[in-house]
N, C-alpha and C. Protein backbone atom coordinates (compact mmCIF):
# COMPACT_ATOMS: atom_id res chain seq x y z
N MET A 1 14.33 -1.82 -30.82
CA MET A 1 13.36 -2.10 -29.56
C MET A 1 13.37 -1.26 -28.75
N THR A 2 14.39 -0.50 -28.55
CA THR A 2 14.25 0.60 -27.42
C THR A 2 13.42 1.63 -27.73
N VAL A 3 13.26 1.84 -29.02
CA VAL A 3 12.19 2.84 -29.40
C VAL A 3 10.70 2.40 -29.09
N LEU A 4 10.24 1.27 -29.04
CA LEU A 4 9.26 0.73 -28.61
C LEU A 4 9.00 0.21 -26.93
N ASP A 5 10.00 0.37 -26.39
CA ASP A 5 9.84 -0.09 -24.91
C ASP A 5 9.64 1.10 -24.14
N ASP A 6 8.41 1.34 -23.31
CA ASP A 6 7.72 2.05 -22.69
C ASP A 6 8.80 2.67 -21.56
N LEU A 7 9.58 1.90 -20.99
CA LEU A 7 10.64 2.46 -20.05
C LEU A 7 11.87 3.35 -20.62
N GLN A 8 12.13 2.94 -22.03
CA GLN A 8 13.55 3.37 -22.52
C GLN A 8 12.92 4.71 -23.49
N ARG A 9 12.20 4.09 -24.53
CA ARG A 9 11.69 5.34 -25.64
C ARG A 9 12.65 6.29 -26.20
N TYR A 10 13.98 5.46 -26.71
CA TYR A 10 14.99 6.52 -27.43
C TYR A 10 15.18 5.36 -28.69
N LEU A 11 15.97 6.29 -29.44
CA LEU A 11 16.45 5.59 -30.72
C LEU A 11 17.76 6.13 -30.93
N ARG A 12 18.64 5.22 -30.88
CA ARG A 12 20.41 5.62 -30.96
C ARG A 12 20.60 5.53 -32.69
N LEU A 13 21.10 6.59 -33.14
CA LEU A 13 21.35 6.73 -34.48
C LEU A 13 22.38 5.86 -35.05
N ASP A 14 23.29 5.46 -34.23
CA ASP A 14 24.35 4.38 -34.55
C ASP A 14 24.42 3.47 -33.43
N GLU A 15 25.00 2.38 -33.64
CA GLU A 15 25.16 1.29 -32.68
C GLU A 15 26.09 1.57 -31.83
N LYS A 16 27.03 2.58 -31.74
CA LYS A 16 28.04 2.72 -30.95
C LYS A 16 27.50 3.45 -29.66
N GLU A 17 28.16 3.15 -28.49
CA GLU A 17 27.59 3.64 -27.24
C GLU A 17 27.72 5.19 -27.20
N ASP A 18 28.57 5.71 -27.80
CA ASP A 18 28.71 7.13 -27.62
C ASP A 18 28.31 7.99 -28.56
N ASN A 19 27.50 7.39 -29.50
CA ASN A 19 26.71 8.33 -30.56
C ASN A 19 25.51 8.88 -30.02
N GLU A 20 24.91 9.78 -30.85
CA GLU A 20 23.69 10.59 -30.29
C GLU A 20 22.59 9.55 -30.34
N VAL A 21 21.39 9.98 -29.31
CA VAL A 21 20.39 9.27 -29.00
C VAL A 21 18.98 10.32 -29.04
N VAL A 22 18.24 9.82 -29.85
CA VAL A 22 17.09 10.90 -29.94
C VAL A 22 15.94 10.14 -29.15
N LYS A 23 15.44 11.00 -28.43
CA LYS A 23 14.29 10.57 -27.26
C LYS A 23 12.88 10.76 -28.35
N VAL A 24 12.01 9.66 -27.72
CA VAL A 24 10.83 9.81 -28.38
C VAL A 24 9.73 10.57 -27.67
N ALA A 25 9.20 11.57 -28.33
CA ALA A 25 8.51 12.63 -27.57
C ALA A 25 7.06 11.97 -27.07
N GLU A 26 6.64 12.66 -26.01
CA GLU A 26 5.62 12.08 -25.34
C GLU A 26 4.03 11.98 -26.10
N GLY A 27 3.66 11.28 -26.14
CA GLY A 27 2.28 10.94 -27.07
C GLY A 27 2.49 10.34 -28.46
N VAL A 28 3.77 10.10 -28.78
CA VAL A 28 3.99 9.34 -29.99
C VAL A 28 3.35 7.98 -30.00
N THR A 29 2.93 7.39 -30.91
CA THR A 29 2.51 6.11 -31.00
C THR A 29 2.94 5.56 -32.31
N PHE A 30 3.33 4.20 -32.08
CA PHE A 30 3.83 3.52 -33.36
C PHE A 30 2.66 2.53 -33.83
N VAL A 31 2.56 2.44 -35.09
CA VAL A 31 1.69 1.65 -35.74
C VAL A 31 2.72 0.79 -36.70
N ALA A 32 2.37 -0.50 -36.60
CA ALA A 32 2.94 -1.58 -37.60
C ALA A 32 1.96 -2.36 -38.01
N THR A 33 2.38 -2.96 -39.10
CA THR A 33 1.38 -4.02 -39.99
C THR A 33 2.38 -5.14 -40.07
N ALA A 34 1.63 -6.39 -40.19
CA ALA A 34 2.59 -7.76 -40.87
C ALA A 34 1.56 -8.55 -41.08
N ASN A 35 2.08 -9.45 -42.30
CA ASN A 35 1.16 -10.49 -42.83
C ASN A 35 1.62 -11.84 -42.08
N ILE A 36 0.77 -12.11 -40.95
CA ILE A 36 1.47 -13.28 -39.89
C ILE A 36 0.42 -14.48 -40.28
N GLY A 37 0.71 -15.54 -40.57
CA GLY A 37 0.14 -16.72 -40.53
C GLY A 37 0.61 -17.73 -41.91
N ASN A 38 0.17 -18.88 -41.74
CA ASN A 38 0.57 -20.10 -42.64
C ASN A 38 0.35 -19.62 -44.19
N GLU A 39 -0.64 -18.67 -44.38
CA GLU A 39 -1.18 -18.53 -45.86
C GLU A 39 0.16 -17.56 -46.60
N TYR A 40 0.81 -16.67 -45.62
CA TYR A 40 1.68 -16.13 -46.05
C TYR A 40 3.18 -16.77 -46.14
N THR A 41 3.58 -17.10 -47.36
CA THR A 41 4.74 -17.65 -47.83
C THR A 41 6.19 -16.80 -47.58
N ALA A 42 7.17 -17.25 -47.34
CA ALA A 42 8.55 -16.58 -47.10
C ALA A 42 8.45 -15.49 -46.04
N THR A 43 7.61 -15.74 -45.02
CA THR A 43 7.65 -14.87 -43.82
C THR A 43 8.06 -15.47 -42.81
N ARG A 44 8.89 -14.63 -42.01
CA ARG A 44 9.45 -15.43 -40.58
C ARG A 44 8.60 -15.25 -39.49
N VAL A 45 8.64 -16.15 -38.56
CA VAL A 45 7.99 -15.92 -37.35
C VAL A 45 8.36 -14.66 -36.45
N MET A 46 7.29 -14.06 -36.06
CA MET A 46 7.91 -12.77 -35.50
C MET A 46 8.07 -12.85 -33.82
N ASP A 47 9.04 -12.65 -33.31
CA ASP A 47 9.64 -12.60 -32.08
C ASP A 47 8.79 -12.09 -30.95
N ARG A 48 8.46 -13.02 -29.83
CA ARG A 48 7.36 -12.66 -29.04
C ARG A 48 7.95 -11.14 -28.12
N ALA A 49 8.98 -11.07 -27.96
CA ALA A 49 9.37 -9.51 -27.62
C ALA A 49 9.06 -8.56 -28.43
N LEU A 50 9.15 -8.32 -29.56
CA LEU A 50 8.41 -7.63 -30.77
C LEU A 50 6.85 -7.48 -30.57
N LEU A 51 6.32 -8.86 -30.69
CA LEU A 51 4.86 -8.91 -30.80
C LEU A 51 4.18 -8.20 -29.37
N SER A 52 5.03 -8.56 -28.19
CA SER A 52 4.48 -8.03 -27.11
C SER A 52 4.55 -6.37 -26.96
N ARG A 53 5.31 -5.57 -27.85
CA ARG A 53 5.37 -4.03 -28.02
C ARG A 53 3.89 -3.58 -28.64
N PHE A 54 3.51 -4.36 -29.32
CA PHE A 54 2.22 -4.05 -30.09
C PHE A 54 0.92 -4.86 -29.35
N PRO A 55 0.54 -4.08 -28.45
CA PRO A 55 -0.55 -4.98 -27.75
C PRO A 55 -1.81 -5.08 -28.60
N VAL A 56 -2.36 -3.99 -29.22
CA VAL A 56 -3.35 -3.94 -30.14
C VAL A 56 -3.20 -4.81 -31.18
N LYS A 57 -3.99 -5.95 -31.58
CA LYS A 57 -3.91 -6.67 -32.69
C LYS A 57 -5.10 -6.19 -33.42
N ILE A 58 -5.14 -6.24 -34.49
CA ILE A 58 -6.23 -6.06 -35.32
C ILE A 58 -6.50 -6.90 -36.64
N GLU A 59 -7.45 -7.95 -36.75
CA GLU A 59 -7.22 -8.81 -37.86
C GLU A 59 -8.13 -7.97 -38.99
N MET A 60 -7.58 -8.20 -40.10
CA MET A 60 -8.34 -7.48 -41.25
C MET A 60 -8.74 -8.78 -42.22
N THR A 61 -10.06 -8.73 -42.75
CA THR A 61 -10.61 -9.70 -43.72
C THR A 61 -10.31 -9.05 -44.98
N ALA A 62 -10.31 -9.94 -46.17
CA ALA A 62 -10.17 -9.39 -47.43
C ALA A 62 -11.39 -8.51 -47.87
N LEU A 63 -11.02 -7.49 -48.56
CA LEU A 63 -12.27 -6.64 -49.11
C LEU A 63 -13.17 -7.28 -49.91
N GLY A 64 -14.57 -7.03 -49.92
CA GLY A 64 -15.51 -7.74 -50.57
C GLY A 64 -15.90 -7.03 -51.84
N LYS A 65 -16.77 -7.39 -52.53
CA LYS A 65 -17.36 -6.38 -53.73
C LYS A 65 -18.08 -5.24 -53.46
N ASP A 66 -18.86 -5.18 -52.25
CA ASP A 66 -19.50 -4.06 -51.80
C ASP A 66 -18.49 -3.00 -51.44
N CYS A 67 -17.38 -3.41 -50.53
CA CYS A 67 -16.50 -2.46 -50.16
C CYS A 67 -15.53 -1.96 -51.43
N LEU A 68 -15.25 -2.63 -52.32
CA LEU A 68 -14.53 -2.45 -53.49
C LEU A 68 -15.26 -1.31 -54.62
N LYS A 69 -16.65 -1.51 -54.41
CA LYS A 69 -17.61 -1.04 -55.38
C LYS A 69 -17.40 0.49 -54.60
N SER A 70 -17.63 0.55 -53.57
CA SER A 70 -17.76 1.88 -52.96
C SER A 70 -16.42 2.78 -53.20
N ARG A 71 -15.40 2.08 -53.49
CA ARG A 71 -14.35 2.91 -53.81
C ARG A 71 -14.11 3.53 -55.20
N PHE A 72 -15.03 3.25 -55.92
CA PHE A 72 -14.93 3.76 -57.42
C PHE A 72 -16.41 4.23 -57.74
N ASP A 73 -16.69 5.35 -58.29
CA ASP A 73 -17.69 6.33 -58.75
C ASP A 73 -18.59 5.62 -59.96
N ILE A 74 -17.71 5.29 -60.84
CA ILE A 74 -18.32 4.59 -62.11
C ILE A 74 -18.25 3.17 -61.82
N ILE A 75 -19.57 2.44 -62.17
CA ILE A 75 -19.37 1.14 -62.06
C ILE A 75 -20.73 0.71 -62.73
N ASP A 76 -20.85 -0.16 -63.66
CA ASP A 76 -22.28 -0.71 -64.23
C ASP A 76 -22.31 -1.95 -63.71
N ASN A 77 -23.48 -2.55 -64.14
CA ASN A 77 -23.81 -3.72 -63.69
C ASN A 77 -22.98 -4.94 -64.19
N ASN A 78 -22.38 -4.90 -65.25
CA ASN A 78 -21.40 -5.69 -65.99
C ASN A 78 -20.33 -6.02 -65.01
N GLN A 79 -20.03 -4.49 -64.99
CA GLN A 79 -18.61 -4.55 -64.03
C GLN A 79 -18.63 -4.93 -62.97
N LEU A 80 -19.82 -4.49 -62.08
CA LEU A 80 -20.08 -5.17 -60.87
C LEU A 80 -20.29 -6.98 -60.72
N GLU A 81 -20.68 -7.50 -61.83
CA GLU A 81 -20.68 -8.98 -61.96
C GLU A 81 -19.23 -9.44 -62.13
N ILE A 82 -18.47 -8.57 -62.83
CA ILE A 82 -16.73 -9.15 -63.18
C ILE A 82 -16.23 -8.95 -61.60
N LEU A 83 -16.46 -7.78 -61.15
CA LEU A 83 -15.98 -7.51 -59.70
C LEU A 83 -16.27 -8.66 -58.67
N LYS A 84 -17.68 -8.83 -58.78
CA LYS A 84 -18.04 -10.09 -57.88
C LYS A 84 -17.44 -11.37 -58.02
N ALA A 85 -17.21 -11.44 -59.59
CA ALA A 85 -16.26 -12.88 -59.82
C ALA A 85 -14.89 -12.81 -59.17
N VAL A 86 -14.26 -11.79 -59.46
CA VAL A 86 -12.68 -11.55 -58.99
C VAL A 86 -12.90 -11.71 -57.39
N CYS A 87 -13.76 -11.11 -56.49
CA CYS A 87 -13.54 -11.29 -55.25
C CYS A 87 -14.22 -12.66 -54.78
N GLU A 88 -14.91 -13.30 -55.33
CA GLU A 88 -15.04 -14.83 -55.21
C GLU A 88 -13.95 -15.60 -55.50
N ILE A 89 -13.18 -15.33 -56.75
CA ILE A 89 -11.89 -16.16 -57.11
C ILE A 89 -10.94 -15.84 -56.13
N ALA A 90 -10.61 -14.56 -55.48
CA ALA A 90 -9.66 -14.29 -54.55
C ALA A 90 -9.97 -15.09 -53.20
N ASP A 91 -11.25 -15.11 -52.97
CA ASP A 91 -11.70 -15.51 -51.56
C ASP A 91 -11.37 -17.30 -51.59
N HIS A 92 -11.66 -17.86 -52.91
CA HIS A 92 -11.44 -19.02 -53.04
C HIS A 92 -9.83 -19.44 -53.05
N THR A 93 -9.15 -18.45 -53.57
CA THR A 93 -7.67 -18.91 -53.57
C THR A 93 -7.30 -18.69 -51.98
N ARG A 94 -7.74 -17.79 -51.27
CA ARG A 94 -7.15 -17.70 -49.63
C ARG A 94 -7.62 -19.11 -48.95
N LYS A 95 -9.04 -19.42 -49.32
CA LYS A 95 -9.30 -20.46 -48.48
C LYS A 95 -8.48 -21.72 -48.79
N GLN A 96 -8.35 -21.88 -50.25
CA GLN A 96 -7.62 -23.01 -50.85
C GLN A 96 -6.37 -22.90 -50.40
N VAL A 97 -5.45 -22.15 -50.28
CA VAL A 97 -4.21 -22.03 -49.66
C VAL A 97 -4.10 -22.31 -48.09
N LYS A 98 -4.87 -22.23 -47.47
CA LYS A 98 -5.01 -22.61 -45.87
C LYS A 98 -5.45 -24.14 -45.80
N GLN A 99 -5.93 -24.87 -46.88
CA GLN A 99 -6.32 -26.22 -46.66
C GLN A 99 -4.87 -27.16 -46.65
N GLU A 100 -4.99 -28.14 -45.82
CA GLU A 100 -3.85 -29.03 -45.70
C GLU A 100 -3.34 -29.81 -46.75
N ASP A 101 -4.26 -30.05 -47.84
CA ASP A 101 -3.85 -30.56 -48.77
C ASP A 101 -4.35 -29.56 -50.16
N SER A 102 -3.74 -28.32 -50.00
CA SER A 102 -3.99 -27.40 -50.89
C SER A 102 -3.57 -27.45 -52.27
N LYS A 103 -4.36 -27.19 -53.29
CA LYS A 103 -3.71 -27.36 -54.61
C LYS A 103 -2.83 -26.13 -54.95
N LEU A 104 -2.91 -25.13 -54.36
CA LEU A 104 -2.28 -23.77 -54.45
C LEU A 104 -1.16 -23.49 -53.38
N THR A 105 -0.32 -22.75 -53.67
CA THR A 105 1.01 -22.35 -52.61
C THR A 105 0.83 -20.59 -52.58
N ASN A 106 -0.07 -20.27 -53.55
CA ASN A 106 -0.11 -18.76 -53.33
C ASN A 106 -1.50 -18.53 -53.35
N PHE A 107 -2.14 -17.16 -53.20
CA PHE A 107 -3.37 -16.64 -53.30
C PHE A 107 -3.50 -15.21 -53.67
N ILE A 108 -4.69 -14.71 -54.24
CA ILE A 108 -4.83 -13.31 -54.70
C ILE A 108 -4.84 -12.40 -53.39
N PRO A 109 -3.99 -11.75 -53.04
CA PRO A 109 -3.97 -10.65 -52.01
C PRO A 109 -5.00 -9.76 -52.15
N THR A 110 -5.34 -9.01 -51.19
CA THR A 110 -6.24 -7.98 -51.20
C THR A 110 -5.79 -6.78 -52.16
N ARG A 111 -4.60 -6.36 -52.24
CA ARG A 111 -3.81 -5.36 -52.69
C ARG A 111 -4.01 -5.37 -54.38
N SER A 112 -3.98 -6.74 -54.78
CA SER A 112 -4.04 -7.32 -55.95
C SER A 112 -5.44 -7.17 -56.43
N THR A 113 -6.51 -7.48 -55.57
CA THR A 113 -7.93 -7.29 -55.75
C THR A 113 -8.18 -5.94 -56.06
N VAL A 114 -7.87 -5.05 -55.40
CA VAL A 114 -7.85 -3.45 -55.68
C VAL A 114 -7.58 -3.01 -56.92
N GLU A 115 -6.41 -3.56 -57.14
CA GLU A 115 -5.75 -3.32 -58.65
C GLU A 115 -6.56 -3.75 -59.73
N ILE A 116 -7.03 -5.07 -59.52
CA ILE A 116 -7.90 -5.50 -60.40
C ILE A 116 -9.37 -4.96 -60.45
N ALA A 117 -9.79 -4.43 -59.47
CA ALA A 117 -10.94 -3.62 -59.57
C ALA A 117 -10.69 -2.35 -60.34
N GLU A 118 -9.58 -1.74 -60.21
CA GLU A 118 -9.32 -0.60 -61.13
C GLU A 118 -9.25 -1.15 -62.51
N LEU A 119 -8.72 -2.17 -63.04
CA LEU A 119 -8.88 -2.56 -64.28
C LEU A 119 -10.19 -2.77 -64.69
N ILE A 120 -11.05 -3.12 -63.90
CA ILE A 120 -12.36 -3.35 -64.35
C ILE A 120 -13.16 -2.14 -64.65
N VAL A 121 -12.94 -1.05 -63.64
CA VAL A 121 -13.62 0.22 -64.05
C VAL A 121 -13.04 0.76 -65.41
N ASP A 122 -11.72 0.50 -65.73
CA ASP A 122 -11.18 0.86 -66.96
C ASP A 122 -11.61 0.17 -68.32
N GLY A 123 -12.27 -0.90 -67.93
CA GLY A 123 -13.28 -1.51 -69.16
C GLY A 123 -12.66 -2.99 -69.28
N PHE A 124 -11.61 -3.39 -68.71
CA PHE A 124 -10.99 -4.66 -69.03
C PHE A 124 -12.01 -5.91 -68.58
N ASN A 125 -11.92 -6.90 -69.37
CA ASN A 125 -13.05 -7.90 -69.18
C ASN A 125 -12.14 -9.16 -68.14
N LEU A 126 -12.90 -9.98 -68.00
CA LEU A 126 -12.28 -11.10 -66.67
C LEU A 126 -11.03 -11.75 -67.61
N LEU A 127 -11.30 -12.22 -68.82
CA LEU A 127 -10.37 -12.93 -69.17
C LEU A 127 -9.09 -12.04 -69.45
N GLU A 128 -9.06 -10.69 -69.93
CA GLU A 128 -8.06 -9.82 -70.09
C GLU A 128 -7.31 -9.60 -68.69
N ILE A 129 -8.10 -9.40 -67.49
CA ILE A 129 -7.43 -9.53 -66.54
C ILE A 129 -6.77 -10.59 -65.72
N ALA A 130 -7.65 -11.81 -66.28
CA ALA A 130 -6.62 -13.12 -65.63
C ALA A 130 -5.36 -13.31 -66.36
N ASP A 131 -5.32 -13.08 -67.52
CA ASP A 131 -4.21 -13.24 -68.36
C ASP A 131 -2.83 -12.41 -67.79
N THR A 132 -3.49 -11.13 -67.50
CA THR A 132 -2.31 -10.12 -67.24
C THR A 132 -1.84 -10.08 -65.55
N THR A 133 -2.95 -10.25 -64.74
CA THR A 133 -2.48 -10.00 -63.57
C THR A 133 -3.00 -11.42 -62.20
N ILE A 134 -3.67 -12.28 -62.72
CA ILE A 134 -4.13 -13.33 -62.19
C ILE A 134 -2.98 -14.40 -62.39
N TYR A 135 -2.99 -15.08 -63.71
CA TYR A 135 -2.42 -16.32 -64.18
C TYR A 135 -1.05 -16.09 -63.88
N PRO A 136 -0.12 -15.20 -63.99
CA PRO A 136 1.15 -15.20 -63.83
C PRO A 136 1.59 -15.24 -62.39
N ASN A 137 0.90 -15.26 -61.42
CA ASN A 137 1.05 -15.41 -59.89
C ASN A 137 1.02 -16.91 -59.65
N PHE A 138 0.90 -17.76 -60.55
CA PHE A 138 0.68 -19.10 -60.21
C PHE A 138 1.42 -19.81 -61.33
N THR A 139 2.18 -20.84 -60.70
CA THR A 139 3.37 -21.58 -61.52
C THR A 139 2.46 -22.68 -62.43
N ASP A 140 3.22 -22.72 -63.61
CA ASP A 140 2.62 -23.70 -64.66
C ASP A 140 3.46 -24.82 -64.55
N ASP A 141 4.30 -25.22 -63.61
CA ASP A 141 5.18 -26.46 -63.30
C ASP A 141 4.07 -27.39 -63.07
N GLY A 142 4.25 -28.55 -63.74
CA GLY A 142 3.13 -29.75 -63.47
C GLY A 142 2.06 -29.98 -64.72
N GLY A 143 2.22 -29.08 -65.80
CA GLY A 143 1.32 -29.24 -66.70
C GLY A 143 -0.22 -29.16 -66.34
N VAL A 144 -0.94 -30.30 -66.68
CA VAL A 144 -2.36 -30.50 -66.39
C VAL A 144 -2.56 -30.31 -64.95
N ASP A 145 -1.76 -30.56 -64.03
CA ASP A 145 -2.07 -30.45 -62.74
C ASP A 145 -1.25 -29.26 -61.87
N SER A 146 -0.95 -28.18 -62.96
CA SER A 146 -0.28 -27.14 -62.39
C SER A 146 -1.32 -26.27 -61.65
N GLU A 147 -0.67 -25.32 -60.73
CA GLU A 147 -1.40 -24.24 -59.95
C GLU A 147 -2.14 -23.40 -61.11
N ARG A 148 -1.42 -22.94 -62.11
CA ARG A 148 -1.94 -22.23 -63.14
C ARG A 148 -3.35 -22.89 -64.02
N THR A 149 -3.14 -24.24 -64.22
CA THR A 149 -4.39 -24.81 -64.81
C THR A 149 -5.58 -24.85 -63.98
N TYR A 150 -5.29 -25.03 -62.60
CA TYR A 150 -6.14 -24.96 -61.64
C TYR A 150 -7.14 -23.39 -61.61
N ILE A 151 -6.08 -22.60 -61.61
CA ILE A 151 -6.70 -21.14 -61.45
C ILE A 151 -7.61 -20.81 -62.92
N LYS A 152 -6.89 -21.25 -64.07
CA LYS A 152 -7.71 -20.94 -65.36
C LYS A 152 -8.97 -21.82 -65.12
N GLN A 153 -9.22 -23.00 -64.65
CA GLN A 153 -10.34 -23.65 -64.66
C GLN A 153 -11.40 -22.96 -63.52
N LEU A 154 -10.81 -22.39 -62.49
CA LEU A 154 -11.53 -21.59 -61.58
C LEU A 154 -12.14 -20.36 -62.38
N VAL A 155 -11.35 -19.56 -63.07
CA VAL A 155 -11.63 -18.52 -63.75
C VAL A 155 -12.63 -18.75 -64.85
N GLN A 156 -12.52 -19.69 -65.37
CA GLN A 156 -13.43 -20.04 -66.56
C GLN A 156 -15.14 -20.51 -65.80
N LYS A 157 -14.85 -20.74 -64.87
CA LYS A 157 -16.28 -20.98 -64.22
C LYS A 157 -17.02 -19.61 -63.99
N TYR A 158 -16.38 -18.44 -63.95
CA TYR A 158 -16.97 -17.21 -63.86
C TYR A 158 -16.97 -16.54 -65.16
N VAL A 159 -16.67 -16.79 -66.26
CA VAL A 159 -16.62 -16.13 -67.28
C VAL A 159 -17.76 -16.54 -68.20
N LYS A 160 -18.47 -15.67 -68.31
CA LYS A 160 -19.93 -15.50 -69.11
C LYS A 160 -19.63 -15.92 -70.56
N VAL A 161 -19.80 -17.27 -71.00
CA VAL A 161 -19.73 -17.74 -72.40
C VAL A 161 -20.93 -17.28 -73.13
N GLU A 162 -20.39 -16.41 -74.03
CA GLU A 162 -21.68 -15.78 -75.15
C GLU A 162 -21.69 -16.82 -76.38
N THR A 163 -20.58 -17.38 -76.46
CA THR A 163 -21.03 -18.68 -77.57
C THR A 163 -20.55 -19.94 -76.78
N LYS A 164 -20.96 -20.97 -77.75
CA LYS A 164 -20.66 -22.49 -77.20
C LYS A 164 -19.15 -22.65 -77.10
N GLU A 165 -18.31 -22.07 -77.76
CA GLU A 165 -17.18 -22.46 -78.09
C GLU A 165 -16.30 -22.41 -76.80
N ASN A 166 -15.21 -23.32 -76.52
CA ASN A 166 -14.41 -22.91 -75.05
C ASN A 166 -13.38 -21.79 -75.41
N LEU A 167 -13.59 -20.80 -74.57
CA LEU A 167 -12.80 -19.60 -74.43
C LEU A 167 -11.24 -19.83 -74.37
N PHE A 168 -10.87 -20.99 -73.90
CA PHE A 168 -9.58 -21.45 -73.37
C PHE A 168 -9.05 -22.67 -74.56
N ALA A 169 -9.72 -22.81 -75.59
CA ALA A 169 -9.18 -24.01 -76.62
C ALA A 169 -8.48 -23.21 -77.35
N ASP A 170 -7.48 -23.88 -78.14
CA ASP A 170 -6.47 -23.22 -78.89
C ASP A 170 -7.07 -23.16 -80.21
N PRO A 171 -7.27 -21.77 -80.76
CA PRO A 171 -8.09 -21.52 -81.94
C PRO A 171 -7.49 -22.17 -83.14
N LEU A 172 -6.09 -22.56 -83.24
CA LEU A 172 -5.75 -23.20 -84.36
C LEU A 172 -6.25 -24.82 -84.45
N LYS A 173 -6.54 -25.51 -83.17
CA LYS A 173 -6.88 -26.70 -83.27
C LYS A 173 -8.36 -26.82 -83.32
N SER A 174 -9.04 -25.78 -83.41
CA SER A 174 -10.62 -25.86 -83.45
C SER A 174 -11.19 -26.11 -84.76
N ASP A 175 -12.29 -26.87 -84.95
CA ASP A 175 -12.98 -27.33 -86.13
C ASP A 175 -13.50 -25.98 -86.81
N GLN A 176 -13.91 -25.08 -86.03
CA GLN A 176 -14.74 -23.95 -86.39
C GLN A 176 -13.71 -22.80 -86.70
N PRO A 177 -14.25 -21.82 -87.67
CA PRO A 177 -13.45 -20.71 -87.89
C PRO A 177 -13.09 -19.84 -86.85
N PRO A 178 -12.19 -19.06 -86.86
CA PRO A 178 -12.27 -18.16 -85.63
C PRO A 178 -13.04 -16.91 -85.64
N PHE A 179 -13.82 -16.67 -86.64
CA PHE A 179 -14.90 -15.62 -86.91
C PHE A 179 -15.99 -16.03 -86.99
C-alpha cells in the first residue's frame, strides 16, 4: 500500500523495519486491472482503501465481432458468420449470468472469445469449437437441466444445419445411416 500512497511512495523489500526501502521515482504511474462484479465468481470484494488509490476507473465491454475481425487479416464470410455467432453466444452468457434467476453460473469471457476467433481463422467450425472450448466450461451436473445442456441448446441455434438431421443426436440411435 505504501507504494501507491502519494505521501509515502516507497516499497519495503522485507517487512522488517530495518530492511532496505526502495523509493518510487517521480513520474511513475501504476496501472491495475480487476474483474469486479457479481458476474465474476470466486473474486473477493476489493478494499475501499485500495480502490481509492486508483482514482481512474475504466469499464470495458466485451469485444464484438467487428473488433475481433479487425484483429485478423484473413477472414471470409463464412468465418465472419461463425465469429458473429460466437460473439452473440458469449454476450448471451454474460447477460444470463447477471440475471437473478440465471440458468448459468459461468460465462464466456473476452479472453476466450479471442481464442475462439483464432480457432475460427484456423478453419474450425462452430461445433468443433463448442466441443473443445465452450462446453467444458459449463457443468453437466443435473442432466437435462444442466448448464452444459443449456449451452448446447444455445449453440445449436447458431449452427447452420445443412441436412435435416439433428447434429446433437446420437448416431447409434438414429434411424438413418450415418453416411
